Amino acid sequence: MTTHDPIPARLAALKTTSTPDLKAQWRELFDSEPPPFNRRYLESRLAYRIQELAYGGLKPETVKRLEALGEQLDGGDRKKSRIRADLTPIVGTRLIREWKDVEHVVTVTADGFDWQGRPYKSLSAIARAITGTRWNGWVFFGLKNHRRGA
């Protein structure tokens, strides 16, 4: 005898559910107001929550292990932990930018960036030091398209 599991159908339905209905589900499942993030975020978090409630969440030792790994990455710095890791270049990456016929090399470090042997917390500070004007450092070094914002 097999039992029908309604969870896969419920997860598939999220793709065609209206955004207001997704937000209503959020209120019901999380007992809080939905965050102002995009639809894809709502879908993924709702899918996880539906499965978590149906099948159980992470074991306490798994949560502890993940928290310990996160602590190793950000040292408990809440501001750092909110930075998307996939947007930050990997430590050791060299960013090269030519400005007025001079090549500038910036190395990504664990704490920020290194340019000309000096540590910097932001690419914008380096871009300002190079150009003498205010720049978005991510745009200056070609990591972000200024027009598209990505």
C-alpha atoms as a PDB file:
ATOM      1  CA  MET A   1       0.000   0.000   0.000  1.00  0.00           C
ATOM      2  CA  THR A   2       1.443   3.363  -1.011  1.00  0.00           C
ATOM      3  CA  THR A   3       0.466   6.698   0.415  1.00  0.00           C
ATOM      4  CA  HIS A   4       0.248   9.808  -1.704  1.00  0.00           C
ATOM      5  CA  ASP A   5       2.621  12.544  -0.532  1.00  0.00           C
ATOM      6  CA  PRO A   6       0.979  15.961  -1.150  1.00  0.00           C
ATOM      7  CA  ILE A   7       4.223  17.884  -0.520  1.00  0.00           C
ATOM      8  CA  PRO A   8       5.721  17.629  -4.058  1.00  0.00           C
ATOM      9  CA  ALA A   9       2.463  18.906  -5.554  1.00  0.00           C
ATOM     10  CA  ARG A  10       2.354  21.717  -3.026  1.00  0.00           C
ATOM     11  CA  LEU A  11       5.933  22.697  -3.892  1.00  0.00           C
ATOM     12  CA  ALA A  12       5.217  22.623  -7.643  1.00  0.00           C
ATOM     13  CA  ALA A  13       2.178  24.852  -7.105  1.00  0.00           C
ATOM     14  CA  LEU A  14       4.387  27.616  -5.679  1.00  0.00           C
ATOM     15  CA  LYS A  15       5.623  28.428  -9.213  1.00  0.00           C
ATOM     16  CA  THR A  16       2.120  29.389 -10.374  1.00  0.00           C
ATOM     17  CA  THR A  17       0.864  30.929  -7.128  1.00  0.00           C
ATOM     18  CA  SER A  18       0.292  34.692  -7.240  1.00  0.00           C
ATOM     19  CA  THR A  19       2.689  36.858  -5.253  1.00  0.00           C
ATOM     20  CA  PRO A  20      -0.063  38.061  -2.863  1.00  0.00           C
ATOM     21  CA  ASP A  21      -0.940  34.406  -2.197  1.00  0.00           C
ATOM     22  CA  LEU A  22       2.745  33.582  -1.611  1.00  0.00           C
ATOM     23  CA  LYS A  23       2.866  36.390   0.939  1.00  0.00           C
ATOM     24  CA  ALA A  24      -0.278  35.047   2.608  1.00  0.00           C
ATOM     25  CA  GLN A  25       1.336  31.599   2.820  1.00  0.00           C
ATOM     26  CA  TRP A  26       4.422  33.234   4.319  1.00  0.00           C
ATOM     27  CA  ARG A  27       2.313  34.823   7.069  1.00  0.00           C
ATOM     28  CA  GLU A  28       0.690  31.477   7.783  1.00  0.00           C
ATOM     29  CA  LEU A  29       3.872  29.374   7.772  1.00  0.00           C
ATOM     30  CA  PHE A  30       6.308  31.802   9.431  1.00  0.00           C
ATOM     31  CA  ASP A  31       3.851  33.773  11.590  1.00  0.00           C
ATOM     32  CA  SER A  32       5.509  37.009  10.450  1.00  0.00           C
ATOM     33  CA  GLU A  33       5.321  39.551   7.656  1.00  0.00           C
ATOM     34  CA  PRO A  34       7.082  38.481   4.444  1.00  0.00           C
ATOM     35  CA  PRO A  35      10.367  40.245   3.666  1.00  0.00           C
ATOM     36  CA  PRO A  36      10.470  42.711   0.758  1.00  0.00           C
ATOM     37  CA  PHE A  37      12.539  40.353  -1.369  1.00  0.00           C
ATOM     38  CA  ASN A  38      11.854  39.065  -4.848  1.00  0.00           C
ATOM     39  CA  ARG A  39       9.387  36.343  -5.750  1.00  0.00           C
ATOM     40  CA  ARG A  40      12.075  33.694  -6.259  1.00  0.00           C
ATOM     41  CA  TYR A  41      13.284  34.204  -2.695  1.00  0.00           C
ATOM     42  CA  LEU A  42       9.751  33.814  -1.342  1.00  0.00           C
ATOM     43  CA  GLU A  43       9.242  30.626  -3.359  1.00  0.00           C
ATOM     44  CA  SER A  44      12.489  29.041  -2.185  1.00  0.00           C
ATOM     45  CA  ARG A  45      11.987  29.891   1.504  1.00  0.00           C
ATOM     46  CA  LEU A  46       8.355  28.733   1.400  1.00  0.00           C
ATOM     47  CA  ALA A  47       9.421  25.478  -0.275  1.00  0.00           C
ATOM     48  CA  TYR A  48      11.966  24.883   2.474  1.00  0.00           C
ATOM     49  CA  ARG A  49       9.475  25.733   5.235  1.00  0.00           C
ATOM     50  CA  ILE A  50       6.787  23.431   3.787  1.00  0.00           C
ATOM     51  CA  GLN A  51       9.269  20.554   3.720  1.00  0.00           C
ATOM     52  CA  GLU A  52      10.636  21.432   7.147  1.00  0.00           C
ATOM     53  CA  LEU A  53       7.174  21.295   8.697  1.00  0.00           C
ATOM     54  CA  ALA A  54       6.265  18.079   6.881  1.00  0.00           C
ATOM     55  CA  TYR A  55       9.491  16.114   7.252  1.00  0.00           C
ATOM     56  CA  GLY A  56      11.299  17.830  10.106  1.00  0.00           C
ATOM     57  CA  GLY A  57      14.058  20.417  10.155  1.00  0.00           C
ATOM     58  CA  LEU A  58      17.795  20.179  10.596  1.00  0.00           C
ATOM     59  CA  LYS A  59      19.107  18.248  13.571  1.00  0.00           C
ATOM     60  CA  PRO A  60      20.417  20.501  16.385  1.00  0.00           C
ATOM     61  CA  GLU A  61      23.973  19.216  15.851  1.00  0.00           C
ATOM     62  CA  THR A  62      23.757  20.140  12.152  1.00  0.00           C
ATOM     63  CA  VAL A  63      22.615  23.668  13.050  1.00  0.00           C
ATOM     64  CA  LYS A  64      25.506  23.960  15.533  1.00  0.00           C
ATOM     65  CA  ARG A  65      27.987  22.786  12.903  1.00  0.00           C
ATOM     66  CA  LEU A  66      26.691  25.280  10.332  1.00  0.00           C
ATOM     67  CA  GLU A  67      26.858  28.112  12.870  1.00  0.00           C
ATOM     68  CA  ALA A  68      30.455  27.146  13.742  1.00  0.00           C
ATOM     69  CA  LEU A  69      31.405  27.160  10.054  1.00  0.00           C
ATOM     70  CA  GLY A  70      29.766  30.570   9.611  1.00  0.00           C
ATOM     71  CA  GLU A  71      31.645  31.870  12.647  1.00  0.00           C
ATOM     72  CA  GLN A  72      34.923  30.750  11.051  1.00  0.00           C
ATOM     73  CA  LEU A  73      34.056  32.701   7.900  1.00  0.00           C
ATOM     74  CA  ASP A  74      32.863  35.962   9.433  1.00  0.00           C
ATOM     75  CA  GLY A  75      34.252  35.889  12.978  1.00  0.00           C
ATOM     76  CA  GLY A  76      30.785  36.610  14.355  1.00  0.00           C
ATOM     77  CA  ASP A  77      30.629  39.972  12.563  1.00  0.00           C
ATOM     78  CA  ARG A  78      26.898  40.365  11.788  1.00  0.00           C
ATOM     79  CA  LYS A  79      27.570  42.958   9.089  1.00  0.00           C
ATOM     80  CA  LYS A  80      30.006  40.617   7.319  1.00  0.00           C
ATOM     81  CA  SER A  81      27.618  37.677   7.572  1.00  0.00           C
ATOM     82  CA  ARG A  82      25.015  39.572   5.572  1.00  0.00           C
ATOM     83  CA  ILE A  83      27.317  40.113   2.596  1.00  0.00           C
ATOM     84  CA  ARG A  84      26.569  37.649  -0.171  1.00  0.00           C
ATOM     85  CA  ALA A  85      29.605  35.422  -0.467  1.00  0.00           C
ATOM     86  CA  ASP A  86      28.921  34.744  -4.132  1.00  0.00           C
ATOM     87  CA  LEU A  87      29.299  38.442  -4.946  1.00  0.00           C
ATOM     88  CA  THR A  88      32.649  38.882  -3.242  1.00  0.00           C
ATOM     89  CA  PRO A  89      35.746  37.864  -5.217  1.00  0.00           C
ATOM     90  CA  ILE A  90      37.706  34.943  -3.768  1.00  0.00           C
ATOM     91  CA  VAL A  91      40.641  35.808  -1.505  1.00  0.00           C
ATOM     92  CA  GLY A  92      43.764  36.052  -3.637  1.00  0.00           C
ATOM     93  CA  THR A  93      41.924  37.307  -6.717  1.00  0.00           C
ATOM     94  CA  ARG A  94      43.831  40.056  -8.513  1.00  0.00           C
ATOM     95  CA  LEU A  95      41.784  42.899  -9.973  1.00  0.00           C
ATOM     96  CA  ILE A  96      43.582  44.779 -12.723  1.00  0.00           C
ATOM     97  CA  ARG A  97      42.513  48.207 -13.978  1.00  0.00           C
ATOM     98  CA  GLU A  98      44.356  50.547 -16.274  1.00  0.00           C
ATOM     99  CA  TRP A  99      43.871  54.240 -15.511  1.00  0.00           C
ATOM    100  CA  LYS A 100      45.656  56.973 -17.483  1.00  0.00           C
ATOM    101  CA  ASP A 101      48.153  54.481 -18.950  1.00  0.00           C
ATOM    102  CA  VAL A 102      49.028  53.055 -15.508  1.00  0.00           C
ATOM    103  CA  GLU A 103      48.093  49.502 -14.588  1.00  0.00           C
ATOM    104  CA  HIS A 104      46.728  49.149 -11.050  1.00  0.00           C
ATOM    105  CA  VAL A 105      46.600  45.726  -9.392  1.00  0.00           C
ATOM    106  CA  VAL A 106      44.402  45.130  -6.354  1.00  0.00           C
ATOM    107  CA  THR A 107      44.526  41.846  -4.447  1.00  0.00           C
ATOM    108  CA  VAL A 108      41.465  40.585  -2.573  1.00  0.00           C
ATOM    109  CA  THR A 109      42.356  39.734   1.039  1.00  0.00           C
ATOM    110  CA  ALA A 110      40.419  38.127   3.880  1.00  0.00           C
ATOM    111  CA  ASP A 111      39.860  41.586   5.408  1.00  0.00           C
ATOM    112  CA  GLY A 112      39.258  43.598   2.243  1.00  0.00           C
ATOM    113  CA  PHE A 113      41.749  44.607  -0.412  1.00  0.00           C
ATOM    114  CA  ASP A 114      45.434  45.407  -0.857  1.00  0.00           C
ATOM    115  CA  TRP A 115      46.685  48.061  -3.264  1.00  0.00           C
ATOM    116  CA  GLN A 116      50.295  49.193  -3.434  1.00  0.00           C
ATOM    117  CA  GLY A 117      51.071  47.330  -0.199  1.00  0.00           C
ATOM    118  CA  ARG A 118      48.370  49.113   1.799  1.00  0.00           C
ATOM    119  CA  PRO A 119      45.178  47.517   3.164  1.00  0.00           C
ATOM    120  CA  TYR A 120      41.795  48.959   2.202  1.00  0.00           C
ATOM    121  CA  LYS A 121      38.319  48.037   3.394  1.00  0.00           C
ATOM    122  CA  SER A 122      36.596  49.018   0.149  1.00  0.00           C
ATOM    123  CA  LEU A 123      37.225  49.129  -3.576  1.00  0.00           C
ATOM    124  CA  SER A 124      35.657  52.584  -3.655  1.00  0.00           C
ATOM    125  CA  ALA A 125      38.449  53.952  -1.442  1.00  0.00           C
ATOM    126  CA  ILE A 126      41.034  52.504  -3.834  1.00  0.00           C
ATOM    127  CA  ALA A 127      39.231  53.897  -6.886  1.00  0.00           C
ATOM    128  CA  ARG A 128      39.123  57.309  -5.205  1.00  0.00           C
ATOM    129  CA  ALA A 129      42.864  57.101  -4.425  1.00  0.00           C
ATOM    130  CA  ILE A 130      43.616  56.217  -8.053  1.00  0.00           C
ATOM    131  CA  THR A 131      41.339  58.762  -9.757  1.00  0.00           C
ATOM    132  CA  GLY A 132      41.020  61.549  -7.208  1.00  0.00           C
ATOM    133  CA  THR A 133      37.214  61.437  -7.588  1.00  0.00           C
ATOM    134  CA  ARG A 134      34.391  59.421  -6.061  1.00  0.00           C
ATOM    135  CA  TRP A 135      33.702  56.140  -7.815  1.00  0.00           C
ATOM    136  CA  ASN A 136      31.717  53.028  -7.066  1.00  0.00           C
ATOM    137  CA  GLY A 137      34.664  50.664  -6.676  1.00  0.00           C
ATOM    138  CA  TRP A 138      32.746  47.669  -8.028  1.00  0.00           C
ATOM    139  CA  VAL A 139      31.957  49.619 -11.194  1.00  0.00           C
ATOM    140  CA  PHE A 140      35.494  51.034 -11.493  1.00  0.00           C
ATOM    141  CA  PHE A 141      37.042  47.550 -11.398  1.00  0.00           C
ATOM    142  CA  GLY A 142      34.431  46.069 -13.734  1.00  0.00           C
ATOM    143  CA  LEU A 143      32.749  43.840 -11.160  1.00  0.00           C
ATOM    144  CA  LYS A 144      29.397  45.548 -11.610  1.00  0.00           C
ATOM    145  CA  ASN A 145      27.786  47.147 -14.637  1.00  0.00           C
ATOM    146  CA  HIS A 146      26.726  50.661 -13.581  1.00  0.00           C
ATOM    147  CA  ARG A 147      23.751  50.741 -15.974  1.00  0.00           C
ATOM    148  CA  ARG A 148      22.276  47.338 -15.143  1.00  0.00           C
ATOM    149  CA  GLY A 149      23.262  47.297 -11.463  1.00  0.00           C
ATOM    150  CA  ALA A 150      24.548  43.741 -11.801  1.00  0.00           C
END
